[in-house]
Amino acid sequence: MSEATNAGADAQPDELNELSAIVEEFTKKIAYIENEMETLKEDRKAIVEEYKEKLDMKTLNAAMKIVKTKRAVEHKHTLDNFLEILETRDLSV
């Protein structure tokens, strides 16, 4: 294990009650975040359900993935070149 990943082990208290309190605090915070994530997933699902009769969701999701990928790429011109080659030459991917 690297020093950075083991630093917490060196800093944690040896006394069981003190350690227990820290573990409890940590697990409560993680549980809260996991609950919020589940709530957000449910909210997203409800929004998709609301719009599925108004929009082609499969195509919209594909478009959103493309936009997200384009934003993440450092060399946009190179990406455009690759896309043009793949699309015009009908190369399988």
C-alpha atoms as a PDB file:
ATOM      1  CA  MET A   1       0.000   0.000   0.000  1.00  0.00           C
ATOM      2  CA  SER A   2       1.283   3.485  -0.749  1.00  0.00           C
ATOM      3  CA  GLU A   3       1.909   6.022   1.994  1.00  0.00           C
ATOM      4  CA  ALA A   4      -1.032   8.134   0.810  1.00  0.00           C
ATOM      5  CA  THR A   5      -3.531   5.278   1.092  1.00  0.00           C
ATOM      6  CA  ASN A   6      -2.154   4.132   4.445  1.00  0.00           C
ATOM      7  CA  ALA A   7      -1.967   7.610   6.026  1.00  0.00           C
ATOM      8  CA  GLY A   8      -5.449   7.292   7.504  1.00  0.00           C
ATOM      9  CA  ALA A   9      -4.560   4.015   9.184  1.00  0.00           C
ATOM     10  CA  ASP A  10      -1.659   5.708  10.961  1.00  0.00           C
ATOM     11  CA  ALA A  11      -3.828   8.659  12.056  1.00  0.00           C
ATOM     12  CA  GLN A  12      -6.864   6.727  13.293  1.00  0.00           C
ATOM     13  CA  PRO A  13      -7.367   6.424  17.048  1.00  0.00           C
ATOM     14  CA  ASP A  14      -6.382   3.235  18.860  1.00  0.00           C
ATOM     15  CA  GLU A  15      -9.133   3.581  21.470  1.00  0.00           C
ATOM     16  CA  LEU A  16     -12.138   1.503  20.423  1.00  0.00           C
ATOM     17  CA  ASN A  17     -14.890   3.947  21.496  1.00  0.00           C
ATOM     18  CA  GLU A  18     -13.232   6.844  19.688  1.00  0.00           C
ATOM     19  CA  LEU A  19     -12.675   4.701  16.588  1.00  0.00           C
ATOM     20  CA  SER A  20     -16.278   3.500  16.754  1.00  0.00           C
ATOM     21  CA  ALA A  21     -17.564   7.081  16.797  1.00  0.00           C
ATOM     22  CA  ILE A  22     -15.516   7.974  13.715  1.00  0.00           C
ATOM     23  CA  VAL A  23     -16.649   4.842  11.857  1.00  0.00           C
ATOM     24  CA  GLU A  24     -20.267   5.612  12.752  1.00  0.00           C
ATOM     25  CA  GLU A  25     -19.897   9.205  11.533  1.00  0.00           C
ATOM     26  CA  PHE A  26     -18.343   8.002   8.281  1.00  0.00           C
ATOM     27  CA  THR A  27     -20.987   5.351   7.610  1.00  0.00           C
ATOM     28  CA  LYS A  28     -23.823   7.812   8.303  1.00  0.00           C
ATOM     29  CA  LYS A  29     -22.374  10.283   5.796  1.00  0.00           C
ATOM     30  CA  ILE A  30     -21.907   7.567   3.165  1.00  0.00           C
ATOM     31  CA  ALA A  31     -25.436   6.243   3.746  1.00  0.00           C
ATOM     32  CA  TYR A  32     -26.833   9.775   3.352  1.00  0.00           C
ATOM     33  CA  ILE A  33     -25.011  10.249   0.035  1.00  0.00           C
ATOM     34  CA  GLU A  34     -26.096   6.822  -1.223  1.00  0.00           C
ATOM     35  CA  ASN A  35     -29.693   7.682  -0.323  1.00  0.00           C
ATOM     36  CA  GLU A  36     -29.422  10.977  -2.202  1.00  0.00           C
ATOM     37  CA  MET A  37     -27.985   9.152  -5.220  1.00  0.00           C
ATOM     38  CA  GLU A  38     -30.918   6.723  -5.186  1.00  0.00           C
ATOM     39  CA  THR A  39     -33.359   9.627  -4.958  1.00  0.00           C
ATOM     40  CA  LEU A  40     -31.677  11.317  -7.920  1.00  0.00           C
ATOM     41  CA  LYS A  41     -31.880   8.077  -9.937  1.00  0.00           C
ATOM     42  CA  GLU A  42     -35.599   7.875  -9.181  1.00  0.00           C
ATOM     43  CA  ASP A  43     -36.063  11.544 -10.140  1.00  0.00           C
ATOM     44  CA  ARG A  44     -34.205  10.960 -13.420  1.00  0.00           C
ATOM     45  CA  LYS A  45     -36.362   7.921 -14.155  1.00  0.00           C
ATOM     46  CA  ALA A  46     -39.524   9.984 -13.518  1.00  0.00           C
ATOM     47  CA  ILE A  47     -38.330  12.719 -15.897  1.00  0.00           C
ATOM     48  CA  VAL A  48     -37.555  10.160 -18.623  1.00  0.00           C
ATOM     49  CA  GLU A  49     -40.988   8.639 -18.103  1.00  0.00           C
ATOM     50  CA  GLU A  50     -42.577  12.099 -18.391  1.00  0.00           C
ATOM     51  CA  TYR A  51     -40.874  12.832 -21.721  1.00  0.00           C
ATOM     52  CA  LYS A  52     -40.835   9.405 -23.372  1.00  0.00           C
ATOM     53  CA  GLU A  53     -44.125  10.116 -25.175  1.00  0.00           C
ATOM     54  CA  LYS A  54     -42.846  13.510 -26.381  1.00  0.00           C
ATOM     55  CA  LEU A  55     -39.309  12.612 -27.461  1.00  0.00           C
ATOM     56  CA  ASP A  56     -37.412   9.758 -29.076  1.00  0.00           C
ATOM     57  CA  MET A  57     -35.519   9.012 -25.866  1.00  0.00           C
ATOM     58  CA  LYS A  58     -33.180   6.411 -27.355  1.00  0.00           C
ATOM     59  CA  THR A  59     -31.968   8.858 -30.000  1.00  0.00           C
ATOM     60  CA  LEU A  60     -31.806  11.746 -27.539  1.00  0.00           C
ATOM     61  CA  ASN A  61     -29.707   9.662 -25.123  1.00  0.00           C
ATOM     62  CA  ALA A  62     -27.335   8.765 -27.981  1.00  0.00           C
ATOM     63  CA  ALA A  63     -27.055  12.457 -28.919  1.00  0.00           C
ATOM     64  CA  MET A  64     -26.370  13.410 -25.310  1.00  0.00           C
ATOM     65  CA  LYS A  65     -23.587  10.802 -25.123  1.00  0.00           C
ATOM     66  CA  ILE A  66     -22.047  12.183 -28.326  1.00  0.00           C
ATOM     67  CA  VAL A  67     -22.096  15.743 -26.971  1.00  0.00           C
ATOM     68  CA  LYS A  68     -20.588  14.596 -23.668  1.00  0.00           C
ATOM     69  CA  THR A  69     -17.832  12.735 -25.522  1.00  0.00           C
ATOM     70  CA  LYS A  70     -17.097  15.716 -27.775  1.00  0.00           C
ATOM     71  CA  ARG A  71     -16.783  17.991 -24.741  1.00  0.00           C
ATOM     72  CA  ALA A  72     -14.366  15.566 -23.077  1.00  0.00           C
ATOM     73  CA  VAL A  73     -12.058  15.194 -26.086  1.00  0.00           C
ATOM     74  CA  GLU A  74      -8.962  17.351 -26.064  1.00  0.00           C
ATOM     75  CA  HIS A  75      -8.307  17.230 -29.824  1.00  0.00           C
ATOM     76  CA  LYS A  76     -11.715  18.041 -31.337  1.00  0.00           C
ATOM     77  CA  HIS A  77     -10.386  18.389 -34.885  1.00  0.00           C
ATOM     78  CA  THR A  78      -8.870  14.902 -34.698  1.00  0.00           C
ATOM     79  CA  LEU A  79     -12.161  13.531 -33.390  1.00  0.00           C
ATOM     80  CA  ASP A  80     -14.016  15.165 -36.278  1.00  0.00           C
ATOM     81  CA  ASN A  81     -11.544  13.618 -38.731  1.00  0.00           C
ATOM     82  CA  PHE A  82     -11.984  10.164 -37.210  1.00  0.00           C
ATOM     83  CA  LEU A  83     -15.770  10.506 -37.282  1.00  0.00           C
ATOM     84  CA  GLU A  84     -15.735  11.584 -40.921  1.00  0.00           C
ATOM     85  CA  ILE A  85     -13.565   8.623 -41.873  1.00  0.00           C
ATOM     86  CA  LEU A  86     -15.688   6.146 -39.955  1.00  0.00           C
ATOM     87  CA  GLU A  87     -18.983   7.530 -41.265  1.00  0.00           C
ATOM     88  CA  THR A  88     -18.069   8.073 -44.921  1.00  0.00           C
ATOM     89  CA  ARG A  89     -16.189   4.809 -45.322  1.00  0.00           C
ATOM     90  CA  ASP A  90     -18.892   2.862 -43.503  1.00  0.00           C
ATOM     91  CA  LEU A  91     -16.313   1.163 -41.334  1.00  0.00           C
ATOM     92  CA  SER A  92     -17.728  -1.125 -38.690  1.00  0.00           C
ATOM     93  CA  VAL A  93     -17.052  -0.330 -35.112  1.00  0.00           C
END
